[in-house]
């Protein structure tokens, strides 16, 4: 199961990525959680100690130079587009409670990738994680699909776009959906977050016709209180945990559906 999560900033992408990662891990899956949003806080949300000390792959200049042949920031020069990356998940990640976490850092150009040393390494790493690894891989991305390419979209089982009841959030979701489809990714679904009423659900459904609604997550101030008090978020809100568990059940059911022979 390979899952990419996107959406407008502040809608709860990182919360969903963290809760899904922990739900998969508690169910016995080996999980690689990828923080592909430079502004996100996946490590902190997952409860990793000293998250500020985790250096993104895109900032490891010595590693990038070793693998692609050019140091970031240097002009000119040829670099490898298929560098060795299969050892990076074990050697450049941190692990807690069955979840292996990697921080990617920023890719400067979306869609076709960044033609720079760090971009080449990150694209190769994302491709390896999505295509070659057997674990559950969950990507917490920016408000876009910058870390995906035409090659890697084929390996994504589901692109989840997180929305909240608001016009700008839904407009961003529509833009992300169009970009994904342009790259050939059609396994797209929406998760509604910060839901306070049935009217909120109806607002999202009515404004996103034709897009699969994977589930809804209720608004719960207990999450904010737990975050401020530096308490584990996963146990702070049984309501949110239940909502994410329903989403998890739907995702797992996708892998159990029998294939259709033509």
C-alpha atoms as a PDB file:
ATOM      1  CA  UNK A   1       0.000   0.000   0.000  1.00  0.00           C
ATOM      2  CA  UNK A   2       1.479   3.301  -1.153  1.00  0.00           C
ATOM      3  CA  UNK A   3      -0.443   6.418  -0.076  1.00  0.00           C
ATOM      4  CA  UNK A   4       0.245  10.064  -0.946  1.00  0.00           C
ATOM      5  CA  UNK A   5      -1.473  12.792   1.083  1.00  0.00           C
ATOM      6  CA  UNK A   6      -1.868  16.369  -0.135  1.00  0.00           C
ATOM      7  CA  UNK A   7      -4.087  19.388   0.376  1.00  0.00           C
ATOM      8  CA  UNK A   8      -4.075  23.072   1.225  1.00  0.00           C
ATOM      9  CA  UNK A   9      -1.809  24.115   4.074  1.00  0.00           C
ATOM     10  CA  UNK A  10      -3.410  23.839   7.499  1.00  0.00           C
ATOM     11  CA  UNK A  11      -6.188  21.403   6.580  1.00  0.00           C
ATOM     12  CA  UNK A  12      -4.715  18.492   8.545  1.00  0.00           C
ATOM     13  CA  UNK A  13      -2.544  16.564   6.079  1.00  0.00           C
ATOM     14  CA  UNK A  14       0.101  15.837   8.679  1.00  0.00           C
ATOM     15  CA  UNK A  15      -2.472  14.781  11.266  1.00  0.00           C
ATOM     16  CA  UNK A  16      -3.964  12.247   8.854  1.00  0.00           C
ATOM     17  CA  UNK A  17      -0.522  11.005   7.777  1.00  0.00           C
ATOM     18  CA  UNK A  18       0.494  10.487  11.400  1.00  0.00           C
ATOM     19  CA  UNK A  19      -2.724   8.780  12.481  1.00  0.00           C
ATOM     20  CA  UNK A  20      -2.740   6.531   9.418  1.00  0.00           C
ATOM     21  CA  UNK A  21       0.912   5.607   9.987  1.00  0.00           C
ATOM     22  CA  UNK A  22       0.202   4.663  13.591  1.00  0.00           C
ATOM     23  CA  UNK A  23      -2.961   2.758  12.678  1.00  0.00           C
ATOM     24  CA  UNK A  24      -1.117   0.700  10.058  1.00  0.00           C
ATOM     25  CA  UNK A  25       1.771   0.087  12.482  1.00  0.00           C
ATOM     26  CA  UNK A  26      -0.563  -1.009  15.291  1.00  0.00           C
ATOM     27  CA  UNK A  27      -2.182  -3.427  12.845  1.00  0.00           C
ATOM     28  CA  UNK A  28       1.147  -5.139  12.263  1.00  0.00           C
ATOM     29  CA  UNK A  29       2.329  -3.439   9.068  1.00  0.00           C
ATOM     30  CA  UNK A  30       5.848  -2.181   8.527  1.00  0.00           C
ATOM     31  CA  UNK A  31       5.469   1.543   7.808  1.00  0.00           C
ATOM     32  CA  UNK A  32       7.698   4.156   6.203  1.00  0.00           C
ATOM     33  CA  UNK A  33       6.367   7.661   6.842  1.00  0.00           C
ATOM     34  CA  UNK A  34       7.784  10.308   4.512  1.00  0.00           C
ATOM     35  CA  UNK A  35       7.745  13.977   5.484  1.00  0.00           C
ATOM     36  CA  UNK A  36       7.794  15.522   2.013  1.00  0.00           C
ATOM     37  CA  UNK A  37       6.442  18.881   3.176  1.00  0.00           C
ATOM     38  CA  UNK A  38       9.225  21.225   4.356  1.00  0.00           C
ATOM     39  CA  UNK A  39       6.680  23.139   6.446  1.00  0.00           C
ATOM     40  CA  UNK A  40       5.086  20.084   8.052  1.00  0.00           C
ATOM     41  CA  UNK A  41       5.827  18.534  11.423  1.00  0.00           C
ATOM     42  CA  UNK A  42       5.299  14.844  10.844  1.00  0.00           C
ATOM     43  CA  UNK A  43       8.076  13.769  13.204  1.00  0.00           C
ATOM     44  CA  UNK A  44       6.690  15.856  16.054  1.00  0.00           C
ATOM     45  CA  UNK A  45       3.118  14.748  15.359  1.00  0.00           C
ATOM     46  CA  UNK A  46       4.232  11.121  15.475  1.00  0.00           C
ATOM     47  CA  UNK A  47       5.946  11.744  18.812  1.00  0.00           C
ATOM     48  CA  UNK A  48       9.561  11.326  17.713  1.00  0.00           C
ATOM     49  CA  UNK A  49      11.993  12.774  20.275  1.00  0.00           C
ATOM     50  CA  UNK A  50      14.003  15.831  19.214  1.00  0.00           C
ATOM     51  CA  UNK A  51      12.322  16.214  15.802  1.00  0.00           C
ATOM     52  CA  UNK A  52      14.194  19.460  15.179  1.00  0.00           C
ATOM     53  CA  UNK A  53      17.425  17.463  14.944  1.00  0.00           C
ATOM     54  CA  UNK A  54      16.251  15.454  11.908  1.00  0.00           C
ATOM     55  CA  UNK A  55      18.013  16.813   8.821  1.00  0.00           C
ATOM     56  CA  UNK A  56      16.109  16.522   5.509  1.00  0.00           C
ATOM     57  CA  UNK A  57      17.753  14.465   2.777  1.00  0.00           C
ATOM     58  CA  UNK A  58      17.831  17.517   0.489  1.00  0.00           C
ATOM     59  CA  UNK A  59      20.165  19.267   2.966  1.00  0.00           C
ATOM     60  CA  UNK A  60      22.717  16.442   3.246  1.00  0.00           C
ATOM     61  CA  UNK A  61      25.167  17.994   0.803  1.00  0.00           C
ATOM     62  CA  UNK A  62      27.943  15.445   1.319  1.00  0.00           C
ATOM     63  CA  UNK A  63      25.557  12.551   0.671  1.00  0.00           C
ATOM     64  CA  UNK A  64      24.107  14.236  -2.417  1.00  0.00           C
ATOM     65  CA  UNK A  65      27.570  14.887  -3.849  1.00  0.00           C
ATOM     66  CA  UNK A  66      28.622  11.300  -3.143  1.00  0.00           C
ATOM     67  CA  UNK A  67      25.584   9.792  -4.856  1.00  0.00           C
ATOM     68  CA  UNK A  68      24.963  12.083  -7.837  1.00  0.00           C
ATOM     69  CA  UNK A  69      28.456  13.463  -8.426  1.00  0.00           C
ATOM     70  CA  UNK A  70      27.706  17.165  -8.018  1.00  0.00           C
ATOM     71  CA  UNK A  71      27.437  19.225  -4.854  1.00  0.00           C
ATOM     72  CA  UNK A  72      24.214  21.237  -4.433  1.00  0.00           C
ATOM     73  CA  UNK A  73      24.661  24.893  -5.371  1.00  0.00           C
ATOM     74  CA  UNK A  74      27.436  24.282  -7.862  1.00  0.00           C
ATOM     75  CA  UNK A  75      26.690  25.479 -11.365  1.00  0.00           C
ATOM     76  CA  UNK A  76      27.240  23.284 -14.379  1.00  0.00           C
ATOM     77  CA  UNK A  77      28.481  19.728 -14.358  1.00  0.00           C
ATOM     78  CA  UNK A  78      26.774  16.445 -15.136  1.00  0.00           C
ATOM     79  CA  UNK A  79      25.174  14.373 -12.423  1.00  0.00           C
ATOM     80  CA  UNK A  80      23.639  10.934 -12.170  1.00  0.00           C
ATOM     81  CA  UNK A  81      19.882  10.697 -12.660  1.00  0.00           C
ATOM     82  CA  UNK A  82      19.729   7.170 -11.201  1.00  0.00           C
ATOM     83  CA  UNK A  83      21.913   7.312  -8.092  1.00  0.00           C
ATOM     84  CA  UNK A  84      22.132   4.494  -5.553  1.00  0.00           C
ATOM     85  CA  UNK A  85      19.387   4.988  -2.954  1.00  0.00           C
ATOM     86  CA  UNK A  86      18.376   1.513  -1.761  1.00  0.00           C
ATOM     87  CA  UNK A  87      20.385   1.878   1.459  1.00  0.00           C
ATOM     88  CA  UNK A  88      18.982   5.286   2.414  1.00  0.00           C
ATOM     89  CA  UNK A  89      15.763   4.134   4.162  1.00  0.00           C
ATOM     90  CA  UNK A  90      17.802   2.130   6.669  1.00  0.00           C
ATOM     91  CA  UNK A  91      20.723   4.542   7.071  1.00  0.00           C
ATOM     92  CA  UNK A  92      18.994   7.938   6.899  1.00  0.00           C
ATOM     93  CA  UNK A  93      15.803   7.437   8.865  1.00  0.00           C
ATOM     94  CA  UNK A  94      14.649   7.331  12.453  1.00  0.00           C
ATOM     95  CA  UNK A  95      12.373   4.665  13.864  1.00  0.00           C
ATOM     96  CA  UNK A  96       9.759   4.649  16.615  1.00  0.00           C
ATOM     97  CA  UNK A  97       6.962   2.193  17.468  1.00  0.00           C
ATOM     98  CA  UNK A  98       7.186   0.326  14.172  1.00  0.00           C
ATOM     99  CA  UNK A  99       7.306   3.477  12.028  1.00  0.00           C
ATOM    100  CA  UNK A 100      10.389   4.443  10.047  1.00  0.00           C
ATOM    101  CA  UNK A 101      10.451   8.189   9.318  1.00  0.00           C
ATOM    102  CA  UNK A 102      12.343  10.025   6.574  1.00  0.00           C
ATOM    103  CA  UNK A 103      12.368  13.778   5.953  1.00  0.00           C
ATOM    104  CA  UNK A 104      12.772  14.660   2.276  1.00  0.00           C
ATOM    105  CA  UNK A 105      12.999  18.427   2.096  1.00  0.00           C
ATOM    106  CA  UNK A 106      11.944  20.620  -0.792  1.00  0.00           C
ATOM    107  CA  UNK A 107      11.973  19.882  -4.513  1.00  0.00           C
ATOM    108  CA  UNK A 108      12.069  23.192  -6.340  1.00  0.00           C
ATOM    109  CA  UNK A 109      10.017  22.252  -9.408  1.00  0.00           C
ATOM    110  CA  UNK A 110       6.774  20.312  -9.475  1.00  0.00           C
ATOM    111  CA  UNK A 111       5.531  17.639 -11.818  1.00  0.00           C
ATOM    112  CA  UNK A 112       8.601  16.872 -13.918  1.00  0.00           C
ATOM    113  CA  UNK A 113      11.000  17.211 -10.998  1.00  0.00           C
ATOM    114  CA  UNK A 114      13.952  19.429 -10.226  1.00  0.00           C
ATOM    115  CA  UNK A 115      16.958  19.276 -12.548  1.00  0.00           C
ATOM    116  CA  UNK A 116      19.396  19.764  -9.693  1.00  0.00           C
ATOM    117  CA  UNK A 117      21.526  17.334  -7.667  1.00  0.00           C
ATOM    118  CA  UNK A 118      19.226  17.208  -4.642  1.00  0.00           C
ATOM    119  CA  UNK A 119      16.179  16.831  -6.901  1.00  0.00           C
ATOM    120  CA  UNK A 120      17.747  13.894  -8.722  1.00  0.00           C
ATOM    121  CA  UNK A 121      18.466  12.114  -5.435  1.00  0.00           C
ATOM    122  CA  UNK A 122      14.999  12.778  -4.016  1.00  0.00           C
ATOM    123  CA  UNK A 123      13.223  11.643  -7.173  1.00  0.00           C
ATOM    124  CA  UNK A 124      15.258   8.432  -7.231  1.00  0.00           C
ATOM    125  CA  UNK A 125      14.513   7.861  -3.552  1.00  0.00           C
ATOM    126  CA  UNK A 126      10.767   8.427  -3.948  1.00  0.00           C
ATOM    127  CA  UNK A 127      10.741   6.053  -6.911  1.00  0.00           C
ATOM    128  CA  UNK A 128      12.565   3.404  -4.878  1.00  0.00           C
ATOM    129  CA  UNK A 129      10.209   3.774  -1.926  1.00  0.00           C
ATOM    130  CA  UNK A 130       7.064   3.587  -4.039  1.00  0.00           C
ATOM    131  CA  UNK A 131       8.117   0.931  -6.531  1.00  0.00           C
ATOM    132  CA  UNK A 132      10.683  -1.300  -4.837  1.00  0.00           C
ATOM    133  CA  UNK A 133       9.779  -1.383  -1.139  1.00  0.00           C
ATOM    134  CA  UNK A 134       7.242  -3.789   0.314  1.00  0.00           C
ATOM    135  CA  UNK A 135       6.294  -1.664   3.321  1.00  0.00           C
ATOM    136  CA  UNK A 136       3.321   0.629   3.655  1.00  0.00           C
ATOM    137  CA  UNK A 137       4.621   4.003   2.456  1.00  0.00           C
ATOM    138  CA  UNK A 138       2.786   7.182   3.441  1.00  0.00           C
ATOM    139  CA  UNK A 139       3.883  10.499   1.902  1.00  0.00           C
ATOM    140  CA  UNK A 140       2.891  13.712   3.642  1.00  0.00           C
ATOM    141  CA  UNK A 141       3.291  16.226   0.796  1.00  0.00           C
ATOM    142  CA  UNK A 142       3.001  19.937   0.169  1.00  0.00           C
ATOM    143  CA  UNK A 143      -0.157  21.465  -1.303  1.00  0.00           C
ATOM    144  CA  UNK A 144       0.613  19.807  -4.609  1.00  0.00           C
ATOM    145  CA  UNK A 145       2.312  16.712  -5.982  1.00  0.00           C
ATOM    146  CA  UNK A 146       5.889  17.961  -6.296  1.00  0.00           C
ATOM    147  CA  UNK A 147       7.442  14.672  -5.208  1.00  0.00           C
ATOM    148  CA  UNK A 148       5.573  12.603  -7.795  1.00  0.00           C
ATOM    149  CA  UNK A 149       6.353  12.085 -11.478  1.00  0.00           C
ATOM    150  CA  UNK A 150       4.706  10.179 -14.291  1.00  0.00           C
ATOM    151  CA  UNK A 151       6.774   7.145 -13.378  1.00  0.00           C
ATOM    152  CA  UNK A 152       6.009   7.117  -9.666  1.00  0.00           C
ATOM    153  CA  UNK A 153       2.291   7.879  -9.944  1.00  0.00           C
ATOM    154  CA  UNK A 154       1.740   4.365 -11.297  1.00  0.00           C
ATOM    155  CA  UNK A 155       2.863   2.949  -7.956  1.00  0.00           C
ATOM    156  CA  UNK A 156       0.568   5.130  -5.819  1.00  0.00           C
ATOM    157  CA  UNK A 157      -2.453   3.150  -4.644  1.00  0.00           C
ATOM    158  CA  UNK A 158      -4.308   6.247  -3.484  1.00  0.00           C
ATOM    159  CA  UNK A 159      -3.776   9.999  -3.548  1.00  0.00           C
ATOM    160  CA  UNK A 160      -5.712  11.403  -0.599  1.00  0.00           C
ATOM    161  CA  UNK A 161      -6.555  15.099  -0.761  1.00  0.00           C
ATOM    162  CA  UNK A 162      -7.445  16.464   2.678  1.00  0.00           C
ATOM    163  CA  UNK A 163     -10.016  19.241   2.742  1.00  0.00           C
ATOM    164  CA  UNK A 164     -11.881  21.256   5.337  1.00  0.00           C
ATOM    165  CA  UNK A 165     -15.277  22.925   4.969  1.00  0.00           C
ATOM    166  CA  UNK A 166     -14.137  26.050   3.102  1.00  0.00           C
ATOM    167  CA  UNK A 167     -14.031  27.362  -0.453  1.00  0.00           C
ATOM    168  CA  UNK A 168     -10.261  27.821  -0.688  1.00  0.00           C
ATOM    169  CA  UNK A 169      -9.622  24.317   0.586  1.00  0.00           C
ATOM    170  CA  UNK A 170     -11.929  22.824  -2.033  1.00  0.00           C
ATOM    171  CA  UNK A 171     -10.442  24.971  -4.812  1.00  0.00           C
ATOM    172  CA  UNK A 172      -6.978  23.695  -3.870  1.00  0.00           C
ATOM    173  CA  UNK A 173      -8.304  20.125  -3.910  1.00  0.00           C
ATOM    174  CA  UNK A 174      -9.653  20.586  -7.425  1.00  0.00           C
ATOM    175  CA  UNK A 175      -6.315  21.988  -8.605  1.00  0.00           C
ATOM    176  CA  UNK A 176      -4.382  19.094  -7.056  1.00  0.00           C
ATOM    177  CA  UNK A 177      -6.778  16.603  -8.594  1.00  0.00           C
ATOM    178  CA  UNK A 178      -6.282  18.085 -12.053  1.00  0.00           C
ATOM    179  CA  UNK A 179      -2.490  18.073 -11.706  1.00  0.00           C
ATOM    180  CA  UNK A 180      -2.594  14.436 -10.587  1.00  0.00           C
ATOM    181  CA  UNK A 181      -4.775  13.396 -13.502  1.00  0.00           C
ATOM    182  CA  UNK A 182      -2.457  15.210 -15.914  1.00  0.00           C
ATOM    183  CA  UNK A 183       0.340  12.971 -14.609  1.00  0.00           C
ATOM    184  CA  UNK A 184      -1.800   9.872 -15.047  1.00  0.00           C
ATOM    185  CA  UNK A 185      -2.805   9.404 -11.410  1.00  0.00           C
ATOM    186  CA  UNK A 186      -6.511   8.620 -11.198  1.00  0.00           C
ATOM    187  CA  UNK A 187      -6.752   6.825  -7.833  1.00  0.00           C
ATOM    188  CA  UNK A 188      -7.819  10.022  -6.084  1.00  0.00           C
ATOM    189  CA  UNK A 189     -10.001  10.388  -3.002  1.00  0.00           C
ATOM    190  CA  UNK A 190     -10.913  13.109  -0.535  1.00  0.00           C
ATOM    191  CA  UNK A 191     -10.923  13.087   3.248  1.00  0.00           C
ATOM    192  CA  UNK A 192     -12.923  15.790   4.992  1.00  0.00           C
ATOM    193  CA  UNK A 193     -11.285  17.083   8.179  1.00  0.00           C
ATOM    194  CA  UNK A 194     -12.441  19.403  10.993  1.00  0.00           C
ATOM    195  CA  UNK A 195     -16.048  18.281  10.523  1.00  0.00           C
ATOM    196  CA  UNK A 196     -18.465  19.808  13.028  1.00  0.00           C
ATOM    197  CA  UNK A 197     -21.847  18.869  11.529  1.00  0.00           C
ATOM    198  CA  UNK A 198     -23.684  16.991   8.806  1.00  0.00           C
ATOM    199  CA  UNK A 199     -23.880  20.316   6.960  1.00  0.00           C
ATOM    200  CA  UNK A 200     -20.079  20.353   6.743  1.00  0.00           C
ATOM    201  CA  UNK A 201     -20.130  16.907   5.150  1.00  0.00           C
ATOM    202  CA  UNK A 202     -22.829  17.906   2.689  1.00  0.00           C
ATOM    203  CA  UNK A 203     -20.893  21.060   1.746  1.00  0.00           C
ATOM    204  CA  UNK A 204     -17.815  19.003   0.828  1.00  0.00           C
ATOM    205  CA  UNK A 205     -19.728  16.314  -1.044  1.00  0.00           C
ATOM    206  CA  UNK A 206     -21.810  18.776  -3.048  1.00  0.00           C
ATOM    207  CA  UNK A 207     -18.791  20.839  -4.084  1.00  0.00           C
ATOM    208  CA  UNK A 208     -16.620  17.901  -5.153  1.00  0.00           C
ATOM    209  CA  UNK A 209     -18.882  15.934  -7.492  1.00  0.00           C
ATOM    210  CA  UNK A 210     -17.372  12.852  -9.059  1.00  0.00           C
ATOM    211  CA  UNK A 211     -14.548  12.535  -6.510  1.00  0.00           C
ATOM    212  CA  UNK A 212     -14.500   9.590  -4.101  1.00  0.00           C
ATOM    213  CA  UNK A 213     -15.048  10.602  -0.473  1.00  0.00           C
ATOM    214  CA  UNK A 214     -12.899   8.265   1.589  1.00  0.00           C
ATOM    215  CA  UNK A 215     -14.149   9.467   4.954  1.00  0.00           C
ATOM    216  CA  UNK A 216     -14.567  12.286   7.453  1.00  0.00           C
ATOM    217  CA  UNK A 217     -12.584  13.274  10.544  1.00  0.00           C
ATOM    218  CA  UNK A 218     -14.385  15.239  13.261  1.00  0.00           C
ATOM    219  CA  UNK A 219     -13.142  18.476  14.736  1.00  0.00           C
ATOM    220  CA  UNK A 220     -11.855  17.913  18.271  1.00  0.00           C
ATOM    221  CA  UNK A 221     -10.150  20.660  20.337  1.00  0.00           C
ATOM    222  CA  UNK A 222      -8.515  17.914  22.396  1.00  0.00           C
ATOM    223  CA  UNK A 223      -5.917  17.590  19.637  1.00  0.00           C
ATOM    224  CA  UNK A 224      -4.863  21.223  19.990  1.00  0.00           C
ATOM    225  CA  UNK A 225      -4.771  20.910  23.770  1.00  0.00           C
ATOM    226  CA  UNK A 226      -2.619  17.773  23.567  1.00  0.00           C
ATOM    227  CA  UNK A 227      -0.258  19.456  21.133  1.00  0.00           C
ATOM    228  CA  UNK A 228       0.180  22.481  23.392  1.00  0.00           C
ATOM    229  CA  UNK A 229       0.800  20.204  26.374  1.00  0.00           C
ATOM    230  CA  UNK A 230       3.217  18.032  24.358  1.00  0.00           C
ATOM    231  CA  UNK A 231       1.107  14.932  24.923  1.00  0.00           C
ATOM    232  CA  UNK A 232       0.808  12.074  22.383  1.00  0.00           C
ATOM    233  CA  UNK A 233      -1.801  13.069  19.807  1.00  0.00           C
ATOM    234  CA  UNK A 234      -2.765   9.528  18.828  1.00  0.00           C
ATOM    235  CA  UNK A 235      -4.425   8.862  22.200  1.00  0.00           C
ATOM    236  CA  UNK A 236      -5.727  12.404  22.714  1.00  0.00           C
ATOM    237  CA  UNK A 237      -8.880  12.047  20.616  1.00  0.00           C
ATOM    238  CA  UNK A 238     -10.776   8.744  20.379  1.00  0.00           C
ATOM    239  CA  UNK A 239     -13.145  10.483  17.922  1.00  0.00           C
ATOM    240  CA  UNK A 240     -10.382  11.275  15.465  1.00  0.00           C
ATOM    241  CA  UNK A 241      -8.789   7.856  15.952  1.00  0.00           C
ATOM    242  CA  UNK A 242     -12.134   6.246  15.093  1.00  0.00           C
ATOM    243  CA  UNK A 243     -12.550   8.388  11.982  1.00  0.00           C
ATOM    244  CA  UNK A 244      -9.059   7.484  10.771  1.00  0.00           C
ATOM    245  CA  UNK A 245      -9.660   3.804  11.553  1.00  0.00           C
ATOM    246  CA  UNK A 246     -12.674   3.876   9.213  1.00  0.00           C
ATOM    247  CA  UNK A 247     -10.464   5.372   6.501  1.00  0.00           C
ATOM    248  CA  UNK A 248      -7.816   2.724   7.188  1.00  0.00           C
ATOM    249  CA  UNK A 249     -10.418  -0.031   6.821  1.00  0.00           C
ATOM    250  CA  UNK A 250     -11.421   1.299   3.399  1.00  0.00           C
ATOM    251  CA  UNK A 251      -7.800   1.525   2.262  1.00  0.00           C
ATOM    252  CA  UNK A 252      -7.008  -2.009   3.391  1.00  0.00           C
ATOM    253  CA  UNK A 253     -10.121  -3.317   1.647  1.00  0.00           C
ATOM    254  CA  UNK A 254      -8.644  -2.062  -1.655  1.00  0.00           C
ATOM    255  CA  UNK A 255      -5.812  -4.586  -1.381  1.00  0.00           C
ATOM    256  CA  UNK A 256      -8.239  -7.425  -0.689  1.00  0.00           C
ATOM    257  CA  UNK A 257     -10.473  -6.905  -3.690  1.00  0.00           C
ATOM    258  CA  UNK A 258     -10.096  -9.715  -6.251  1.00  0.00           C
ATOM    259  CA  UNK A 259      -8.652  -8.744  -9.604  1.00  0.00           C
ATOM    260  CA  UNK A 260     -10.987  -8.764 -12.601  1.00  0.00           C
ATOM    261  CA  UNK A 261      -9.908 -10.819 -15.577  1.00  0.00           C
ATOM    262  CA  UNK A 262     -10.801  -9.533 -19.007  1.00  0.00           C
END
